[in-house]
Amino acid sequence: MQLSDWDQRWTEGRIDFHQQDVSDFLTKYADRVWGESDLSRVLVPLCGKSLDMVFLAERSRAVVGVEFVTQAVVEFFAEQGLTPAVDTEDRRKYVADRYALFAADFFDVSAQDVGPVDAVFDRASLVALNTETRV
């Protein structure tokens, strides 16, 4: 699929990949992976409007997400009852509470944009990439 295909799926509401709950694996294994310690920052690539970010925000100081589809980013903040500040200088960066979400192609966001992270959580973004891009 091309990036425009993902945009179209969100526009049409064809987001069957979006889970209505926090990932079972995340809730089951988070304590084993991170223990009792709070994480400073967690990166969630191709985050959509995943509730996994809410779970992670409860256990960290900040969650940084990257999602190509702006609609997904906007819906995430609306569903969380948050009004983000939008920084349009360099990237479309939406910030509110413990969340900083980039509405951008993941491959156009640099490590400098994201900043330091302690962990990365990915439920299924790899399968969203074309096979040749996965490498």
N, C-alpha and C. Protein backbone atom coordinates (compact mmCIF):
# COMPACT_ATOMS: atom_id res chain seq x y z
N MET A 1 0.84 -1.19 0.00
CA MET A 1 0.00 0.00 0.00
C MET A 1 0.88 1.25 0.00
N GLN A 2 0.37 2.27 -0.59
CA GLN A 2 1.05 3.56 -0.60
C GLN A 2 0.53 4.41 0.55
N LEU A 3 1.25 5.47 0.89
CA LEU A 3 0.81 6.34 1.98
C LEU A 3 -0.59 6.89 1.73
N SER A 4 -0.88 7.23 0.50
CA SER A 4 -2.21 7.76 0.17
C SER A 4 -3.31 6.74 0.45
N ASP A 5 -2.98 5.45 0.33
CA ASP A 5 -3.96 4.39 0.63
C ASP A 5 -4.34 4.41 2.11
N TRP A 6 -3.36 4.65 2.97
CA TRP A 6 -3.65 4.71 4.40
C TRP A 6 -4.53 5.91 4.71
N ASP A 7 -4.23 7.02 4.08
CA ASP A 7 -5.05 8.22 4.26
C ASP A 7 -6.49 7.94 3.86
N GLN A 8 -6.66 7.28 2.74
CA GLN A 8 -8.01 6.95 2.24
C GLN A 8 -8.74 6.01 3.18
N ARG A 9 -8.04 5.03 3.70
CA ARG A 9 -8.68 4.08 4.64
C ARG A 9 -9.22 4.82 5.86
N TRP A 10 -8.44 5.76 6.41
CA TRP A 10 -8.91 6.53 7.56
C TRP A 10 -10.10 7.39 7.17
N THR A 11 -10.03 8.02 6.02
CA THR A 11 -11.13 8.88 5.55
C THR A 11 -12.43 8.09 5.43
N GLU A 12 -12.31 6.87 4.92
CA GLU A 12 -13.48 6.02 4.70
C GLU A 12 -13.89 5.23 5.94
N GLY A 13 -13.11 5.34 7.02
CA GLY A 13 -13.42 4.60 8.24
C GLY A 13 -13.09 3.13 8.17
N ARG A 14 -12.25 2.74 7.22
CA ARG A 14 -11.84 1.34 7.08
C ARG A 14 -10.57 1.10 7.90
N ILE A 15 -10.75 1.14 9.21
CA ILE A 15 -9.60 1.01 10.12
C ILE A 15 -9.78 -0.21 11.02
N ASP A 16 -10.08 -1.34 10.39
CA ASP A 16 -10.28 -2.58 11.14
C ASP A 16 -9.02 -3.01 11.89
N PHE A 17 -7.88 -2.45 11.53
CA PHE A 17 -6.62 -2.74 12.22
C PHE A 17 -6.55 -2.03 13.57
N HIS A 18 -7.38 -1.01 13.77
CA HIS A 18 -7.37 -0.25 15.03
C HIS A 18 -8.06 -1.08 16.11
N GLN A 19 -7.39 -1.29 17.23
CA GLN A 19 -7.97 -2.03 18.35
C GLN A 19 -8.69 -1.08 19.29
N GLN A 20 -9.82 -1.52 19.78
CA GLN A 20 -10.63 -0.71 20.69
C GLN A 20 -10.13 -0.76 22.13
N ASP A 21 -9.15 -1.62 22.39
CA ASP A 21 -8.59 -1.77 23.73
C ASP A 21 -7.07 -1.76 23.67
N VAL A 22 -6.45 -1.69 24.82
CA VAL A 22 -5.00 -1.77 24.92
C VAL A 22 -4.58 -3.19 24.52
N SER A 23 -3.45 -3.30 23.86
CA SER A 23 -2.92 -4.58 23.42
C SER A 23 -2.79 -5.56 24.60
N ASP A 24 -3.31 -6.77 24.41
CA ASP A 24 -3.20 -7.79 25.45
C ASP A 24 -1.75 -8.07 25.82
N PHE A 25 -0.89 -8.11 24.81
CA PHE A 25 0.53 -8.39 25.07
C PHE A 25 1.16 -7.28 25.89
N LEU A 26 0.76 -6.05 25.62
CA LEU A 26 1.32 -4.93 26.38
C LEU A 26 0.91 -5.03 27.84
N THR A 27 -0.36 -5.25 28.09
CA THR A 27 -0.81 -5.33 29.48
C THR A 27 -0.23 -6.55 30.19
N LYS A 28 -0.05 -7.62 29.46
CA LYS A 28 0.46 -8.85 30.06
C LYS A 28 1.95 -8.78 30.38
N TYR A 29 2.74 -8.16 29.50
CA TYR A 29 4.19 -8.22 29.63
C TYR A 29 4.88 -6.91 30.02
N ALA A 30 4.17 -5.82 30.10
CA ALA A 30 4.81 -4.53 30.40
C ALA A 30 5.61 -4.57 31.69
N ASP A 31 5.04 -5.14 32.74
CA ASP A 31 5.75 -5.18 34.02
C ASP A 31 7.00 -6.04 33.95
N ARG A 32 6.96 -7.09 33.16
CA ARG A 32 8.15 -7.95 33.01
C ARG A 32 9.26 -7.21 32.28
N VAL A 33 8.89 -6.41 31.30
CA VAL A 33 9.88 -5.70 30.50
C VAL A 33 10.43 -4.50 31.25
N TRP A 34 9.54 -3.69 31.84
CA TRP A 34 9.97 -2.45 32.46
C TRP A 34 10.03 -2.51 33.98
N GLY A 35 9.42 -3.51 34.58
CA GLY A 35 9.43 -3.61 36.03
C GLY A 35 8.71 -2.44 36.67
N GLU A 36 9.21 -2.02 37.78
CA GLU A 36 8.59 -0.93 38.54
C GLU A 36 9.05 0.46 38.09
N SER A 37 10.10 0.50 37.29
CA SER A 37 10.68 1.80 36.95
C SER A 37 9.82 2.56 35.95
N ASP A 38 9.76 3.86 36.14
CA ASP A 38 9.09 4.72 35.18
C ASP A 38 10.03 4.97 34.01
N LEU A 39 9.49 4.95 32.84
CA LEU A 39 10.27 5.28 31.65
C LEU A 39 10.17 6.78 31.42
N SER A 40 11.20 7.35 30.87
CA SER A 40 11.12 8.77 30.54
C SER A 40 10.29 8.98 29.29
N ARG A 41 10.71 8.34 28.19
CA ARG A 41 10.01 8.55 26.91
C ARG A 41 9.90 7.24 26.14
N VAL A 42 8.73 7.02 25.58
CA VAL A 42 8.46 5.82 24.79
C VAL A 42 8.06 6.26 23.39
N LEU A 43 8.66 5.63 22.39
CA LEU A 43 8.33 5.91 20.98
C LEU A 43 7.37 4.84 20.48
N VAL A 44 6.30 5.29 19.80
CA VAL A 44 5.33 4.39 19.19
C VAL A 44 5.26 4.71 17.70
N PRO A 45 5.95 3.91 16.87
CA PRO A 45 5.93 4.17 15.43
C PRO A 45 4.59 3.79 14.81
N LEU A 46 4.17 4.54 13.79
CA LEU A 46 2.91 4.29 13.08
C LEU A 46 1.79 4.06 14.09
N CYS A 47 1.63 5.03 14.98
CA CYS A 47 0.80 4.88 16.18
C CYS A 47 -0.69 4.92 15.95
N GLY A 48 -1.15 5.49 14.84
CA GLY A 48 -2.59 5.63 14.66
C GLY A 48 -3.16 6.41 15.83
N LYS A 49 -4.26 5.90 16.36
CA LYS A 49 -4.84 6.50 17.57
C LYS A 49 -4.90 5.45 18.68
N SER A 50 -3.89 4.62 18.71
CA SER A 50 -3.83 3.47 19.60
C SER A 50 -3.96 3.82 21.08
N LEU A 51 -4.79 3.07 21.76
CA LEU A 51 -4.92 3.22 23.21
C LEU A 51 -3.70 2.71 23.95
N ASP A 52 -2.83 2.01 23.25
CA ASP A 52 -1.56 1.60 23.85
C ASP A 52 -0.79 2.82 24.33
N MET A 53 -0.95 3.94 23.63
CA MET A 53 -0.25 5.16 24.04
C MET A 53 -0.75 5.66 25.38
N VAL A 54 -2.03 5.50 25.66
CA VAL A 54 -2.59 5.91 26.96
C VAL A 54 -1.99 5.04 28.06
N PHE A 55 -1.96 3.73 27.82
CA PHE A 55 -1.35 2.80 28.78
C PHE A 55 0.10 3.18 29.05
N LEU A 56 0.84 3.45 27.99
CA LEU A 56 2.25 3.82 28.12
C LEU A 56 2.43 5.16 28.82
N ALA A 57 1.55 6.11 28.56
CA ALA A 57 1.65 7.43 29.20
C ALA A 57 1.43 7.33 30.70
N GLU A 58 0.65 6.35 31.13
CA GLU A 58 0.42 6.16 32.56
C GLU A 58 1.67 5.61 33.25
N ARG A 59 2.62 5.11 32.46
CA ARG A 59 3.82 4.48 33.01
C ARG A 59 5.11 5.19 32.59
N SER A 60 4.98 6.34 31.97
CA SER A 60 6.16 7.06 31.51
C SER A 60 5.91 8.56 31.64
N ARG A 61 6.96 9.32 31.40
CA ARG A 61 6.82 10.77 31.45
C ARG A 61 6.32 11.35 30.14
N ALA A 62 6.61 10.62 29.02
CA ALA A 62 6.19 11.13 27.71
C ALA A 62 6.06 9.99 26.71
N VAL A 63 5.11 10.14 25.81
CA VAL A 63 4.93 9.21 24.70
C VAL A 63 5.07 10.01 23.42
N VAL A 64 5.95 9.53 22.54
CA VAL A 64 6.14 10.16 21.24
C VAL A 64 5.62 9.19 20.19
N GLY A 65 4.69 9.65 19.38
CA GLY A 65 4.14 8.81 18.33
C GLY A 65 4.41 9.42 16.97
N VAL A 66 4.46 8.58 15.97
CA VAL A 66 4.60 9.05 14.59
C VAL A 66 3.52 8.36 13.77
N GLU A 67 2.72 9.15 13.08
CA GLU A 67 1.61 8.62 12.28
C GLU A 67 1.45 9.49 11.03
N PHE A 68 1.44 8.85 9.88
CA PHE A 68 1.31 9.59 8.62
C PHE A 68 -0.04 10.28 8.49
N VAL A 69 -1.09 9.63 8.93
CA VAL A 69 -2.45 10.14 8.71
C VAL A 69 -2.82 11.15 9.80
N THR A 70 -2.92 12.40 9.39
CA THR A 70 -3.24 13.48 10.33
C THR A 70 -4.57 13.22 11.04
N GLN A 71 -5.54 12.68 10.33
CA GLN A 71 -6.85 12.40 10.92
C GLN A 71 -6.72 11.50 12.15
N ALA A 72 -5.84 10.51 12.10
CA ALA A 72 -5.65 9.61 13.23
C ALA A 72 -5.09 10.37 14.44
N VAL A 73 -4.15 11.26 14.19
CA VAL A 73 -3.55 12.06 15.27
C VAL A 73 -4.62 12.96 15.90
N VAL A 74 -5.38 13.63 15.07
CA VAL A 74 -6.44 14.53 15.56
C VAL A 74 -7.48 13.74 16.36
N GLU A 75 -7.87 12.58 15.85
CA GLU A 75 -8.85 11.76 16.55
C GLU A 75 -8.32 11.27 17.90
N PHE A 76 -7.04 10.93 17.96
CA PHE A 76 -6.46 10.48 19.23
C PHE A 76 -6.65 11.55 20.29
N PHE A 77 -6.24 12.77 20.00
CA PHE A 77 -6.34 13.84 20.99
C PHE A 77 -7.79 14.13 21.35
N ALA A 78 -8.67 14.15 20.35
CA ALA A 78 -10.09 14.40 20.62
C ALA A 78 -10.67 13.33 21.54
N GLU A 79 -10.36 12.07 21.27
CA GLU A 79 -10.89 10.97 22.07
C GLU A 79 -10.33 10.97 23.49
N GLN A 80 -9.16 11.57 23.68
CA GLN A 80 -8.58 11.68 25.02
C GLN A 80 -9.00 12.98 25.71
N GLY A 81 -9.81 13.79 25.03
CA GLY A 81 -10.27 15.04 25.61
C GLY A 81 -9.18 16.08 25.73
N LEU A 82 -8.20 16.02 24.83
CA LEU A 82 -7.07 16.94 24.85
C LEU A 82 -7.07 17.85 23.63
N THR A 83 -6.66 19.08 23.82
CA THR A 83 -6.51 20.01 22.71
C THR A 83 -5.01 20.27 22.53
N PRO A 84 -4.43 19.71 21.49
CA PRO A 84 -2.97 19.84 21.33
C PRO A 84 -2.56 21.19 20.75
N ALA A 85 -1.37 21.61 21.12
CA ALA A 85 -0.72 22.73 20.45
C ALA A 85 -0.08 22.12 19.21
N VAL A 86 -0.14 22.85 18.10
CA VAL A 86 0.41 22.33 16.85
C VAL A 86 1.60 23.19 16.42
N ASP A 87 2.75 22.52 16.26
CA ASP A 87 3.96 23.19 15.81
C ASP A 87 4.14 22.86 14.33
N THR A 88 3.92 23.81 13.47
CA THR A 88 4.01 23.56 12.03
C THR A 88 5.31 24.05 11.41
N GLU A 89 6.24 24.51 12.24
CA GLU A 89 7.48 25.05 11.71
C GLU A 89 8.25 24.04 10.85
N ASP A 90 8.51 22.89 11.43
CA ASP A 90 9.31 21.89 10.74
C ASP A 90 8.48 20.67 10.38
N ARG A 91 7.78 20.15 11.32
CA ARG A 91 6.94 18.98 11.16
C ARG A 91 5.56 19.32 11.71
N ARG A 92 4.62 18.50 11.40
CA ARG A 92 3.30 18.67 12.01
C ARG A 92 3.34 17.95 13.34
N LYS A 93 3.76 18.63 14.38
CA LYS A 93 3.91 18.05 15.70
C LYS A 93 2.77 18.55 16.60
N TYR A 94 2.03 17.60 17.16
CA TYR A 94 0.91 17.89 18.04
C TYR A 94 1.32 17.52 19.45
N VAL A 95 1.16 18.46 20.38
CA VAL A 95 1.63 18.22 21.75
C VAL A 95 0.54 18.59 22.75
N ALA A 96 0.26 17.66 23.66
CA ALA A 96 -0.65 17.91 24.77
C ALA A 96 -0.38 16.88 25.85
N ASP A 97 -0.44 17.35 27.09
CA ASP A 97 -0.24 16.48 28.24
C ASP A 97 1.09 15.73 28.08
N ARG A 98 1.09 14.43 28.12
CA ARG A 98 2.32 13.65 28.02
C ARG A 98 2.59 13.16 26.60
N TYR A 99 1.84 13.67 25.65
CA TYR A 99 1.92 13.16 24.28
C TYR A 99 2.53 14.18 23.32
N ALA A 100 3.39 13.69 22.44
CA ALA A 100 3.90 14.46 21.30
C ALA A 100 3.76 13.54 20.09
N LEU A 101 2.83 13.86 19.20
CA LEU A 101 2.60 13.03 18.03
C LEU A 101 2.96 13.80 16.77
N PHE A 102 3.74 13.15 15.92
CA PHE A 102 4.10 13.72 14.63
C PHE A 102 3.15 13.20 13.57
N ALA A 103 2.51 14.10 12.84
CA ALA A 103 1.69 13.72 11.69
C ALA A 103 2.61 13.80 10.48
N ALA A 104 3.36 12.71 10.26
CA ALA A 104 4.40 12.72 9.23
C ALA A 104 4.76 11.28 8.85
N ASP A 105 5.40 11.16 7.72
CA ASP A 105 5.95 9.87 7.30
C ASP A 105 7.04 9.50 8.30
N PHE A 106 6.97 8.29 8.84
CA PHE A 106 7.94 7.84 9.84
C PHE A 106 9.38 8.02 9.35
N PHE A 107 9.61 7.80 8.06
CA PHE A 107 10.97 7.88 7.52
C PHE A 107 11.44 9.31 7.29
N ASP A 108 10.55 10.28 7.50
CA ASP A 108 10.92 11.69 7.41
C ASP A 108 11.15 12.32 8.77
N VAL A 109 10.94 11.56 9.82
CA VAL A 109 11.13 12.06 11.18
C VAL A 109 12.48 11.53 11.68
N SER A 110 13.33 12.43 12.10
CA SER A 110 14.68 12.03 12.51
C SER A 110 14.74 11.73 14.01
N ALA A 111 15.85 11.14 14.41
CA ALA A 111 16.11 10.91 15.83
C ALA A 111 16.16 12.24 16.58
N GLN A 112 16.67 13.26 15.92
CA GLN A 112 16.73 14.59 16.53
C GLN A 112 15.31 15.14 16.76
N ASP A 113 14.40 14.90 15.80
CA ASP A 113 13.01 15.33 15.96
C ASP A 113 12.37 14.66 17.17
N VAL A 114 12.58 13.36 17.26
CA VAL A 114 11.95 12.56 18.30
C VAL A 114 12.58 12.82 19.66
N GLY A 115 13.88 12.95 19.69
CA GLY A 115 14.59 13.11 20.95
C GLY A 115 14.91 11.75 21.55
N PRO A 116 15.56 11.75 22.71
CA PRO A 116 15.96 10.48 23.32
C PRO A 116 14.73 9.70 23.79
N VAL A 117 14.80 8.37 23.63
CA VAL A 117 13.73 7.50 24.11
C VAL A 117 14.34 6.36 24.91
N ASP A 118 13.57 5.87 25.86
CA ASP A 118 13.99 4.73 26.68
C ASP A 118 13.48 3.41 26.13
N ALA A 119 12.40 3.48 25.37
CA ALA A 119 11.79 2.26 24.85
C ALA A 119 11.02 2.57 23.58
N VAL A 120 10.81 1.52 22.80
CA VAL A 120 9.97 1.61 21.61
C VAL A 120 8.92 0.52 21.75
N PHE A 121 7.67 0.87 21.52
CA PHE A 121 6.61 -0.13 21.53
C PHE A 121 5.95 -0.15 20.16
N ASP A 122 5.87 -1.35 19.60
CA ASP A 122 5.24 -1.52 18.29
C ASP A 122 4.37 -2.77 18.32
N ARG A 123 3.07 -2.59 18.12
CA ARG A 123 2.17 -3.73 18.08
C ARG A 123 2.13 -4.35 16.70
N ALA A 124 2.07 -3.52 15.64
CA ALA A 124 1.91 -4.10 14.31
C ALA A 124 2.30 -3.17 13.17
N SER A 125 3.15 -2.20 13.44
CA SER A 125 3.46 -1.26 12.35
C SER A 125 4.27 -1.88 11.23
N LEU A 126 5.09 -2.86 11.55
CA LEU A 126 5.94 -3.47 10.53
C LEU A 126 5.12 -4.04 9.38
N VAL A 127 3.97 -4.63 9.68
CA VAL A 127 3.15 -5.23 8.63
C VAL A 127 2.50 -4.17 7.74
N ALA A 128 2.47 -2.92 8.20
CA ALA A 128 1.89 -1.84 7.41
C ALA A 128 2.85 -1.34 6.33
N LEU A 129 4.11 -1.74 6.46
CA LEU A 129 5.11 -1.31 5.47
C LEU A 129 5.18 -2.30 4.32
N ASN A 130 5.45 -1.78 3.13
CA ASN A 130 5.67 -2.66 2.00
C ASN A 130 6.87 -3.56 2.29
N THR A 131 6.85 -4.76 1.77
CA THR A 131 7.89 -5.75 2.05
C THR A 131 9.29 -5.22 1.84
N GLU A 132 9.52 -4.53 0.74
CA GLU A 132 10.88 -4.03 0.47
C GLU A 132 11.28 -2.89 1.43
N THR A 133 10.32 -2.20 1.99
CA THR A 133 10.59 -1.12 2.92
C THR A 133 10.96 -1.67 4.30
N ARG A 134 10.47 -2.83 4.64
CA ARG A 134 10.71 -3.41 5.96
C ARG A 134 12.19 -3.60 6.27
N VAL A 135 12.96 -3.89 5.26
CA VAL A 135 14.40 -4.09 5.47
C VAL A 135 15.02 -2.81 5.98
